[in-house]
Amino acid sequence: MYIKNGNYLGEYSNNDLIAPIADSDNFGLDDYEPEFFFDPVTWRDGVEYEVALKFDINDFEDDIFYFCHIHQYMTGRIKFVDEIGQVITKANSPTIDYEYDEPSDHDVGCGTFGTGDFTLPNNQCPEKFVCGADADSETPVHKFAQCINSMNCAMTAGMTTGLPGDSVLALFNHQMIPHHQNAVNMCKAMLVSGEAECADITDEEDVKCAMRVLCYEIINQQNSQIQAMKGFLDNLGYDESNDCEVIVSDGPFSN
């Protein structure tokens, strides 16, 4: 049951602490969800969002899970607690038969994801993407340049794709997904650099604030578009990627 500023947005209710018991298909999501596409300036208005879930089954041993159908791969295990806050289901059940993706040390330093195997030199990429950058310098711009080198290499390798039969649509998506992923990584690395810190994100005259807002928008919108494009490929009957290795630089550089 979806709540905004203390007001329940739907009609259905199985919880009379929130709203009178009522049967309906409307539990507030259609009014709640679109606002999660708002820009960060609008989000500064102090709106409070809540979700109420009544789970009144007592004879259970398993955990339940949440997932987000707007942002792909966002999921997690929910642990129930008793009235004094003690965990009821201590064991992780059901178990998960895969490991969650973890960023590499390089990605942690950059604020990116999926670039750790593409630090330079790499034989699928040119010698450099940023000329004049000192790999040993600790200044923000030089550190950011090394992140740019690896994320551009990841995009270059990702955008060398095989021909997917006679499908223009599949080829477009196979090319565009790594392109969008690179834009997201560039913005994350820029934000992590600290160069876009600002006192008031609503100040459109402050370039740092404007850049910060721009990157929030890029991260949110292009991640959503990546998810959509992966769905298009699935509907068309193609894999999410169709990578082919193209050697650009000589030498045993492959990571």
Protein backbone atom coordinates (compact mmCIF):
# COMPACT_ATOMS: atom_id res chain seq x y z
CA MET A 1 0.00 0.00 0.00
CA TYR A 2 1.70 3.16 -1.28
CA ILE A 3 1.67 6.32 0.83
CA LYS A 4 2.77 9.88 0.07
CA ASN A 5 3.11 12.53 2.76
CA GLY A 6 1.09 10.33 5.11
CA ASN A 7 -1.82 9.88 2.69
CA TYR A 8 -2.65 6.50 1.21
CA LEU A 9 -2.90 6.78 -2.57
CA GLY A 10 -4.97 3.69 -3.35
CA GLU A 11 -8.34 2.12 -2.64
CA TYR A 12 -7.51 -1.51 -1.78
CA SER A 13 -6.75 -2.21 1.86
CA ASN A 14 -6.03 -5.27 3.97
CA ASN A 15 -4.78 -3.10 6.81
CA ASP A 16 -7.29 -0.99 8.73
CA LEU A 17 -4.43 0.90 10.39
CA ILE A 18 -3.82 2.52 6.98
CA ALA A 19 -7.30 2.62 5.43
CA PRO A 20 -10.67 0.87 5.87
CA ILE A 21 -10.66 -2.70 4.56
CA ALA A 22 -11.66 -2.63 0.88
CA ASP A 23 -11.30 -4.81 -2.21
CA SER A 24 -9.86 -3.08 -5.27
CA ASP A 25 -7.10 -3.39 -7.87
CA ASN A 26 -5.78 0.05 -6.93
CA PHE A 27 -3.18 -0.01 -4.17
CA GLY A 28 -1.59 3.32 -5.09
CA LEU A 29 1.31 2.23 -7.28
CA ASP A 30 0.10 4.01 -10.43
CA ASP A 31 0.11 7.33 -8.57
CA TYR A 32 3.32 6.63 -6.66
CA GLU A 33 5.62 5.17 -9.31
CA PRO A 34 5.79 8.01 -11.90
CA GLU A 35 7.28 10.37 -9.36
CA PHE A 36 10.40 8.21 -9.17
CA PHE A 37 11.32 9.53 -12.61
CA PHE A 38 11.37 13.13 -11.36
CA ASP A 39 14.56 15.19 -11.57
CA PRO A 40 16.59 15.71 -8.35
CA VAL A 41 15.55 19.36 -8.02
CA THR A 42 11.88 18.36 -7.76
CA TRP A 43 12.84 15.73 -5.21
CA ARG A 44 14.19 18.46 -2.95
CA ASP A 45 10.63 19.52 -2.13
CA GLY A 46 10.60 17.32 0.96
CA VAL A 47 8.02 14.76 -0.14
CA GLU A 48 7.88 11.69 2.10
CA TYR A 49 7.18 8.27 0.56
CA GLU A 50 6.21 5.14 2.48
CA VAL A 51 5.06 1.61 1.71
CA ALA A 52 2.88 -0.43 4.08
CA LEU A 53 2.93 -4.23 3.84
CA LYS A 54 0.74 -6.35 6.08
CA PHE A 55 2.17 -9.83 6.48
CA ASP A 56 0.11 -11.60 9.12
CA ILE A 57 1.23 -15.20 8.61
CA ASN A 58 3.01 -16.56 11.67
CA ASP A 59 3.90 -20.15 10.72
CA PHE A 60 6.62 -19.36 8.17
CA GLU A 61 10.34 -20.06 8.07
CA ASP A 62 11.40 -18.47 4.78
CA ASP A 63 12.35 -14.89 4.03
CA ILE A 64 10.65 -12.85 1.33
CA PHE A 65 12.31 -10.66 -1.29
CA TYR A 66 11.67 -7.26 -2.81
CA PHE A 67 12.52 -6.22 -6.34
CA CYS A 68 12.18 -3.06 -8.40
CA HIS A 69 10.65 -3.27 -11.86
CA ILE A 70 11.88 0.23 -12.73
CA HIS A 71 15.55 -0.28 -11.89
CA GLN A 72 16.94 -3.58 -13.11
CA TYR A 73 18.93 -5.81 -10.73
CA MET A 74 17.73 -4.00 -7.61
CA THR A 75 16.55 -6.70 -5.25
CA GLY A 76 17.19 -7.88 -1.75
CA ARG A 77 16.21 -10.18 1.09
CA ILE A 78 13.67 -8.99 3.68
CA LYS A 79 14.09 -10.15 7.27
CA PHE A 80 11.11 -10.03 9.61
CA VAL A 81 11.59 -8.81 13.17
CA ASP A 82 9.44 -9.16 16.25
CA GLU A 83 7.98 -6.36 18.36
CA ILE A 84 11.33 -5.70 20.06
CA GLY A 85 13.29 -5.73 16.82
CA GLN A 86 14.77 -9.24 17.02
CA VAL A 87 15.14 -11.10 13.73
CA ILE A 88 12.60 -13.92 13.49
CA THR A 89 14.16 -15.84 10.58
CA LYS A 90 17.89 -15.91 11.31
CA ALA A 91 18.82 -18.40 8.59
CA ASN A 92 18.94 -17.19 4.99
CA SER A 93 16.17 -19.30 3.53
CA PRO A 94 15.56 -19.84 0.71
CA THR A 95 19.18 -19.77 -0.36
CA ILE A 96 20.27 -17.97 -3.51
CA ASP A 97 22.16 -20.13 -6.01
CA TYR A 98 24.23 -17.24 -7.36
CA GLU A 99 26.42 -14.48 -5.98
CA TYR A 100 25.51 -10.82 -6.16
CA ASP A 101 27.73 -8.86 -8.53
CA GLU A 102 30.52 -7.05 -6.71
CA PRO A 103 32.47 -4.12 -8.18
CA SER A 104 36.21 -4.53 -8.71
CA ASP A 105 38.67 -2.47 -6.66
CA HIS A 106 39.17 -0.28 -9.72
CA ASP A 107 35.43 0.29 -10.03
CA VAL A 108 35.15 1.10 -6.33
CA GLY A 109 37.80 3.77 -6.74
CA CYS A 110 36.10 5.25 -9.80
CA GLY A 111 32.50 4.80 -8.70
CA THR A 112 31.84 2.79 -11.86
CA PHE A 113 30.83 -0.78 -12.67
CA GLY A 114 32.16 -3.30 -15.17
CA THR A 115 35.39 -1.50 -16.03
CA GLY A 116 37.91 -3.39 -13.90
CA ASP A 117 38.89 -5.76 -16.73
CA PHE A 118 39.50 -2.86 -19.13
CA THR A 119 42.27 -0.86 -17.51
CA LEU A 120 44.92 0.14 -20.03
CA PRO A 121 46.91 -1.30 -21.68
CA ASN A 122 44.36 -3.65 -23.19
CA ASN A 123 44.72 -5.20 -26.63
CA GLN A 124 41.10 -4.44 -27.56
CA CYS A 125 41.70 -0.71 -27.13
CA PRO A 126 44.06 2.04 -28.27
CA GLU A 127 46.99 3.03 -26.12
CA LYS A 128 45.06 5.85 -24.44
CA PHE A 129 41.83 7.79 -24.58
CA VAL A 130 42.97 10.86 -22.64
CA CYS A 131 46.24 12.36 -23.86
CA GLY A 132 48.57 13.91 -21.30
CA ALA A 133 47.13 12.08 -18.29
CA ASP A 134 49.68 10.93 -15.71
CA ALA A 135 48.77 7.52 -14.34
CA ASP A 136 50.81 8.16 -11.18
CA SER A 137 49.24 11.51 -10.33
CA GLU A 138 46.69 11.68 -7.51
CA THR A 139 45.07 14.93 -8.61
CA PRO A 140 41.32 14.61 -9.26
CA VAL A 141 41.57 15.25 -13.00
CA HIS A 142 44.36 12.69 -13.52
CA LYS A 143 42.53 10.07 -11.45
CA PHE A 144 39.33 10.80 -13.39
CA ALA A 145 41.29 10.42 -16.65
CA GLN A 146 42.37 6.91 -15.66
CA CYS A 147 38.74 6.05 -14.97
CA ILE A 148 37.82 7.48 -18.37
CA ASN A 149 40.50 5.30 -20.00
CA SER A 150 39.05 2.11 -18.55
CA MET A 151 35.38 2.95 -19.11
CA ASN A 152 36.01 4.04 -22.72
CA CYS A 153 37.91 0.81 -23.28
CA ALA A 154 34.95 -1.14 -21.85
CA MET A 155 32.61 0.72 -24.22
CA THR A 156 34.92 0.18 -27.20
CA ALA A 157 35.12 -3.54 -26.52
CA GLY A 158 31.36 -3.69 -25.92
CA MET A 159 30.55 -1.90 -29.16
CA THR A 160 32.54 -4.35 -31.29
CA THR A 161 29.63 -6.68 -31.94
CA GLY A 162 28.76 -9.45 -34.32
CA LEU A 163 26.17 -8.98 -37.04
CA PRO A 164 22.85 -10.27 -35.62
CA GLY A 165 21.50 -11.85 -38.79
CA ASP A 166 19.45 -9.33 -40.72
CA SER A 167 18.05 -7.42 -37.71
CA VAL A 168 18.75 -3.69 -37.67
CA LEU A 169 16.88 -3.45 -34.36
CA ALA A 170 19.09 -6.03 -32.65
CA LEU A 171 22.28 -4.40 -33.95
CA PHE A 172 21.08 -0.99 -32.73
CA ASN A 173 20.45 -2.32 -29.22
CA HIS A 174 23.71 -4.31 -29.06
CA GLN A 175 25.57 -1.09 -29.93
CA MET A 176 23.55 1.32 -27.83
CA ILE A 177 23.60 -0.61 -24.53
CA PRO A 178 27.39 -0.29 -23.95
CA HIS A 179 27.18 3.31 -25.19
CA HIS A 180 24.58 4.10 -22.51
CA GLN A 181 26.50 2.13 -19.88
CA ASN A 182 29.50 4.32 -20.59
CA ALA A 183 27.46 7.50 -20.10
CA VAL A 184 26.24 6.21 -16.74
CA ASN A 185 29.79 5.29 -15.69
CA MET A 186 31.14 8.68 -16.78
CA CYS A 187 28.59 10.45 -14.61
CA LYS A 188 29.18 8.22 -11.61
CA ALA A 189 32.93 8.78 -11.86
CA MET A 190 32.45 12.53 -12.22
CA LEU A 191 30.25 12.63 -9.11
CA VAL A 192 32.73 10.51 -7.13
CA SER A 193 35.55 12.88 -8.11
CA GLY A 194 34.02 15.54 -5.88
CA GLU A 195 34.37 18.18 -8.56
CA ALA A 196 30.60 18.67 -8.81
CA GLU A 197 29.90 19.30 -5.13
CA CYS A 198 27.64 22.30 -4.60
CA ALA A 199 25.79 23.96 -1.75
CA ASP A 200 22.35 24.16 -3.36
CA ILE A 201 21.46 21.75 -6.14
CA THR A 202 18.57 23.99 -7.19
CA ASP A 203 20.98 26.81 -8.12
CA GLU A 204 20.85 26.67 -11.92
CA GLU A 205 23.45 29.44 -12.21
CA ASP A 206 26.08 27.30 -10.46
CA VAL A 207 27.74 25.14 -13.14
CA LYS A 208 28.68 22.50 -10.59
CA CYS A 209 25.07 22.20 -9.43
CA ALA A 210 23.81 22.10 -13.01
CA MET A 211 26.34 19.38 -13.89
CA ARG A 212 25.28 17.37 -10.85
CA VAL A 213 21.62 17.57 -11.85
CA LEU A 214 22.51 16.65 -15.43
CA CYS A 215 24.35 13.54 -14.31
CA TYR A 216 21.55 12.42 -12.02
CA GLU A 217 19.23 12.68 -15.00
CA ILE A 218 21.63 10.75 -17.25
CA ILE A 219 22.07 7.97 -14.68
CA ASN A 220 18.33 7.55 -14.11
CA GLN A 221 17.14 7.91 -17.69
CA GLN A 222 19.84 5.92 -19.44
CA ASN A 223 19.70 3.07 -16.92
CA SER A 224 15.97 2.90 -17.57
CA GLN A 225 16.62 2.89 -21.32
CA ILE A 226 19.24 0.13 -20.94
CA GLN A 227 16.64 -1.98 -19.17
CA ALA A 228 14.14 -1.27 -21.96
CA MET A 229 16.65 -2.20 -24.67
CA LYS A 230 17.49 -5.48 -22.97
CA GLY A 231 13.76 -6.19 -22.94
CA PHE A 232 13.55 -5.38 -26.66
CA LEU A 233 16.35 -7.86 -27.40
CA ASP A 234 14.62 -10.53 -25.34
CA ASN A 235 11.35 -9.95 -27.20
CA LEU A 236 13.20 -10.15 -30.52
CA GLY A 237 14.81 -13.44 -29.49
CA TYR A 238 18.40 -12.19 -29.15
CA ASP A 239 20.92 -12.33 -26.32
CA GLU A 240 21.65 -9.15 -24.35
CA SER A 241 25.07 -8.82 -26.01
CA ASN A 242 26.77 -10.11 -29.14
CA ASP A 243 30.39 -9.24 -28.52
CA CYS A 244 33.19 -10.03 -30.92
CA GLU A 245 36.84 -9.46 -30.00
CA VAL A 246 38.68 -6.99 -32.21
CA ILE A 247 42.40 -6.57 -31.50
CA VAL A 248 43.53 -2.95 -31.67
CA SER A 249 46.89 -2.94 -29.86
CA ASP A 250 49.73 -5.43 -30.14
CA GLY A 251 51.06 -7.16 -27.08
CA PRO A 252 49.86 -9.46 -24.28
CA PHE A 253 47.65 -6.83 -22.72
CA SER A 254 44.36 -8.65 -22.33
CA ASN A 255 43.00 -8.44 -18.79
